[in-house]
Amino acid sequence: MSAPAALELLIDGRPSGVRVRTALRWWTRAVGLLATPQLDDPSGLWIAPCNSVHTFGMRYPIDVLFLARDGAVQRVVPGLRPWRAAGCRRAHATLELRAGLAARLHLTPGRRLALDT
């Protein structure tokens, strides 16, 4: 099974230059980033549906953004370290990014994210 192609992340409808992969099937959502030694390029993973994540077994921290169905950021968890968990009841999807990238991109609640298909 080949990995899905990376797509560009759109922030408020504008290209960001950041590439992310998607995890839309049960197995890819379950595995998530566990099989990756680091998160460089692509720089993230868009998981849907998803309203909670864990970093059990991971080797590095990640930024986690919880997204509404329309892509609006509901909650940002910066630098979630290995062996932790986070969630947001009202989220429909989750975007996991390389640690520190959410702050560099000024991703805060209310911003709208999408993938350039």
C-alpha atoms as a PDB file:
ATOM      1  CA  MET A   1       0.000   0.000   0.000  1.00  0.00           C
ATOM      2  CA  SER A   2       1.547   3.334  -1.021  1.00  0.00           C
ATOM      3  CA  ALA A   3       1.386   6.447   1.106  1.00  0.00           C
ATOM      4  CA  PRO A   4      -1.038   9.143  -0.039  1.00  0.00           C
ATOM      5  CA  ALA A   5       0.463  12.077  -1.906  1.00  0.00           C
ATOM      6  CA  ALA A   6       1.246  15.197   0.075  1.00  0.00           C
ATOM      7  CA  LEU A   7      -1.096  18.149  -0.429  1.00  0.00           C
ATOM      8  CA  GLU A   8      -0.486  21.833   0.197  1.00  0.00           C
ATOM      9  CA  LEU A   9      -2.026  23.340   3.306  1.00  0.00           C
ATOM     10  CA  LEU A  10      -4.191  26.396   2.656  1.00  0.00           C
ATOM     11  CA  ILE A  11      -4.511  28.957   5.431  1.00  0.00           C
ATOM     12  CA  ASP A  12      -7.537  31.236   5.074  1.00  0.00           C
ATOM     13  CA  GLY A  13      -7.660  30.183   1.405  1.00  0.00           C
ATOM     14  CA  ARG A  14      -4.007  31.049   0.678  1.00  0.00           C
ATOM     15  CA  PRO A  15      -1.179  28.604  -0.070  1.00  0.00           C
ATOM     16  CA  SER A  16       1.173  28.168   2.884  1.00  0.00           C
ATOM     17  CA  GLY A  17       4.060  26.296   1.284  1.00  0.00           C
ATOM     18  CA  VAL A  18       3.522  23.522   3.850  1.00  0.00           C
ATOM     19  CA  ARG A  19       2.838  20.014   2.595  1.00  0.00           C
ATOM     20  CA  VAL A  20       0.801  17.505   4.592  1.00  0.00           C
ATOM     21  CA  ARG A  21      -0.375  13.945   4.068  1.00  0.00           C
ATOM     22  CA  THR A  22      -3.864  12.708   4.842  1.00  0.00           C
ATOM     23  CA  ALA A  23      -5.074   9.861   7.036  1.00  0.00           C
ATOM     24  CA  LEU A  24      -8.693   9.294   6.063  1.00  0.00           C
ATOM     25  CA  ARG A  25      -9.055   5.509   6.400  1.00  0.00           C
ATOM     26  CA  TRP A  26      -9.219   3.553   9.638  1.00  0.00           C
ATOM     27  CA  TRP A  27      -5.732   2.042   9.367  1.00  0.00           C
ATOM     28  CA  THR A  28      -3.941   5.249   8.342  1.00  0.00           C
ATOM     29  CA  ARG A  29      -5.691   7.097  11.184  1.00  0.00           C
ATOM     30  CA  ALA A  30      -4.678   4.377  13.662  1.00  0.00           C
ATOM     31  CA  VAL A  31      -1.014   4.424  12.600  1.00  0.00           C
ATOM     32  CA  GLY A  32      -0.789   8.203  12.184  1.00  0.00           C
ATOM     33  CA  LEU A  33       2.782   9.399  12.633  1.00  0.00           C
ATOM     34  CA  LEU A  34       3.936   6.414  14.681  1.00  0.00           C
ATOM     35  CA  ALA A  35       5.943   4.968  11.790  1.00  0.00           C
ATOM     36  CA  THR A  36       7.848   8.201  11.085  1.00  0.00           C
ATOM     37  CA  PRO A  37      11.273   8.849  12.635  1.00  0.00           C
ATOM     38  CA  GLN A  38      10.796  12.636  12.236  1.00  0.00           C
ATOM     39  CA  LEU A  39       8.410  15.123  10.648  1.00  0.00           C
ATOM     40  CA  ASP A  40      10.173  17.192   7.995  1.00  0.00           C
ATOM     41  CA  ASP A  41       8.627  17.087   4.531  1.00  0.00           C
ATOM     42  CA  PRO A  42       5.766  16.617   4.433  1.00  0.00           C
ATOM     43  CA  SER A  43       5.455  18.640   7.594  1.00  0.00           C
ATOM     44  CA  GLY A  44       2.150  17.313   8.851  1.00  0.00           C
ATOM     45  CA  LEU A  45      -0.703  14.838   8.860  1.00  0.00           C
ATOM     46  CA  TRP A  46      -4.403  15.721   8.406  1.00  0.00           C
ATOM     47  CA  ILE A  47      -6.550  13.106  10.179  1.00  0.00           C
ATOM     48  CA  ALA A  48     -10.308  12.906   9.595  1.00  0.00           C
ATOM     49  CA  PRO A  49     -12.551  12.131  11.270  1.00  0.00           C
ATOM     50  CA  CYS A  50     -10.652  12.691  14.494  1.00  0.00           C
ATOM     51  CA  ASN A  51     -11.244  14.636  17.704  1.00  0.00           C
ATOM     52  CA  SER A  52      -8.457  13.235  19.903  1.00  0.00           C
ATOM     53  CA  VAL A  53      -4.870  12.101  19.462  1.00  0.00           C
ATOM     54  CA  HIS A  54      -2.134  10.463  21.481  1.00  0.00           C
ATOM     55  CA  THR A  55       1.624  10.441  21.140  1.00  0.00           C
ATOM     56  CA  PHE A  56       2.213   7.079  22.820  1.00  0.00           C
ATOM     57  CA  GLY A  57       5.229   5.492  21.158  1.00  0.00           C
ATOM     58  CA  MET A  58       6.266   8.620  19.289  1.00  0.00           C
ATOM     59  CA  ARG A  59       9.830   9.939  19.386  1.00  0.00           C
ATOM     60  CA  TYR A  60       9.252  13.679  18.993  1.00  0.00           C
ATOM     61  CA  PRO A  61       6.782  16.421  20.013  1.00  0.00           C
ATOM     62  CA  ILE A  62       4.153  17.744  17.588  1.00  0.00           C
ATOM     63  CA  ASP A  63       1.785  20.690  17.323  1.00  0.00           C
ATOM     64  CA  VAL A  64      -1.837  19.531  17.225  1.00  0.00           C
ATOM     65  CA  LEU A  65      -4.669  21.581  15.737  1.00  0.00           C
ATOM     66  CA  PHE A  66      -8.261  20.517  16.198  1.00  0.00           C
ATOM     67  CA  LEU A  67     -10.507  21.585  13.322  1.00  0.00           C
ATOM     68  CA  ALA A  68     -14.261  22.025  12.882  1.00  0.00           C
ATOM     69  CA  ARG A  69     -15.996  20.452   9.888  1.00  0.00           C
ATOM     70  CA  ASP A  70     -15.514  23.719   7.939  1.00  0.00           C
ATOM     71  CA  GLY A  71     -11.754  23.783   8.706  1.00  0.00           C
ATOM     72  CA  ALA A  72     -11.905  26.463  11.399  1.00  0.00           C
ATOM     73  CA  VAL A  73      -9.250  25.931  14.057  1.00  0.00           C
ATOM     74  CA  GLN A  74     -10.969  25.120  17.359  1.00  0.00           C
ATOM     75  CA  ARG A  75      -7.966  24.425  19.571  1.00  0.00           C
ATOM     76  CA  VAL A  76      -4.173  24.472  19.260  1.00  0.00           C
ATOM     77  CA  VAL A  77      -1.938  22.257  21.404  1.00  0.00           C
ATOM     78  CA  PRO A  78       1.670  23.342  20.807  1.00  0.00           C
ATOM     79  CA  GLY A  79       4.545  20.935  21.374  1.00  0.00           C
ATOM     80  CA  LEU A  80       2.567  17.896  22.547  1.00  0.00           C
ATOM     81  CA  ARG A  81       5.336  15.674  23.892  1.00  0.00           C
ATOM     82  CA  PRO A  82       5.608  11.894  23.481  1.00  0.00           C
ATOM     83  CA  TRP A  83       3.409   9.776  25.763  1.00  0.00           C
ATOM     84  CA  ARG A  84       0.664  12.411  26.049  1.00  0.00           C
ATOM     85  CA  ALA A  85      -2.909  12.805  24.747  1.00  0.00           C
ATOM     86  CA  ALA A  86      -5.125  15.721  23.732  1.00  0.00           C
ATOM     87  CA  GLY A  87      -8.647  16.154  22.449  1.00  0.00           C
ATOM     88  CA  CYS A  88     -11.427  18.558  21.537  1.00  0.00           C
ATOM     89  CA  ARG A  89     -15.039  17.332  21.611  1.00  0.00           C
ATOM     90  CA  ARG A  90     -16.293  19.674  18.899  1.00  0.00           C
ATOM     91  CA  ALA A  91     -13.500  18.860  16.423  1.00  0.00           C
ATOM     92  CA  HIS A  92     -14.100  16.921  13.225  1.00  0.00           C
ATOM     93  CA  ALA A  93     -10.464  16.659  12.084  1.00  0.00           C
ATOM     94  CA  THR A  94      -6.978  17.011  13.487  1.00  0.00           C
ATOM     95  CA  LEU A  95      -3.856  18.455  11.906  1.00  0.00           C
ATOM     96  CA  GLU A  96      -0.567  17.263  13.373  1.00  0.00           C
ATOM     97  CA  LEU A  97       2.391  19.478  12.480  1.00  0.00           C
ATOM     98  CA  ARG A  98       6.106  19.560  13.163  1.00  0.00           C
ATOM     99  CA  ALA A  99       6.558  21.157  16.614  1.00  0.00           C
ATOM    100  CA  GLY A 100       6.784  24.953  16.395  1.00  0.00           C
ATOM    101  CA  LEU A 101       5.220  25.207  12.947  1.00  0.00           C
ATOM    102  CA  ALA A 102       1.788  26.305  14.217  1.00  0.00           C
ATOM    103  CA  ALA A 103       3.318  29.355  15.912  1.00  0.00           C
ATOM    104  CA  ARG A 104       5.467  30.208  12.871  1.00  0.00           C
ATOM    105  CA  LEU A 105       2.347  30.085  10.669  1.00  0.00           C
ATOM    106  CA  HIS A 106       0.315  32.110  13.231  1.00  0.00           C
ATOM    107  CA  LEU A 107      -2.292  29.340  13.446  1.00  0.00           C
ATOM    108  CA  THR A 108      -4.766  30.332  16.138  1.00  0.00           C
ATOM    109  CA  PRO A 109      -8.411  29.501  16.845  1.00  0.00           C
ATOM    110  CA  GLY A 110     -10.662  30.906  14.138  1.00  0.00           C
ATOM    111  CA  ARG A 111      -8.196  30.564  11.234  1.00  0.00           C
ATOM    112  CA  ARG A 112      -9.536  28.366   8.431  1.00  0.00           C
ATOM    113  CA  LEU A 113      -7.459  25.512   7.096  1.00  0.00           C
ATOM    114  CA  ALA A 114      -8.007  23.365   4.008  1.00  0.00           C
ATOM    115  CA  LEU A 115      -6.045  21.157   1.657  1.00  0.00           C
ATOM    116  CA  ASP A 116      -5.336  22.170  -1.931  1.00  0.00           C
ATOM    117  CA  THR A 117      -6.750  19.338  -3.980  1.00  0.00           C
END
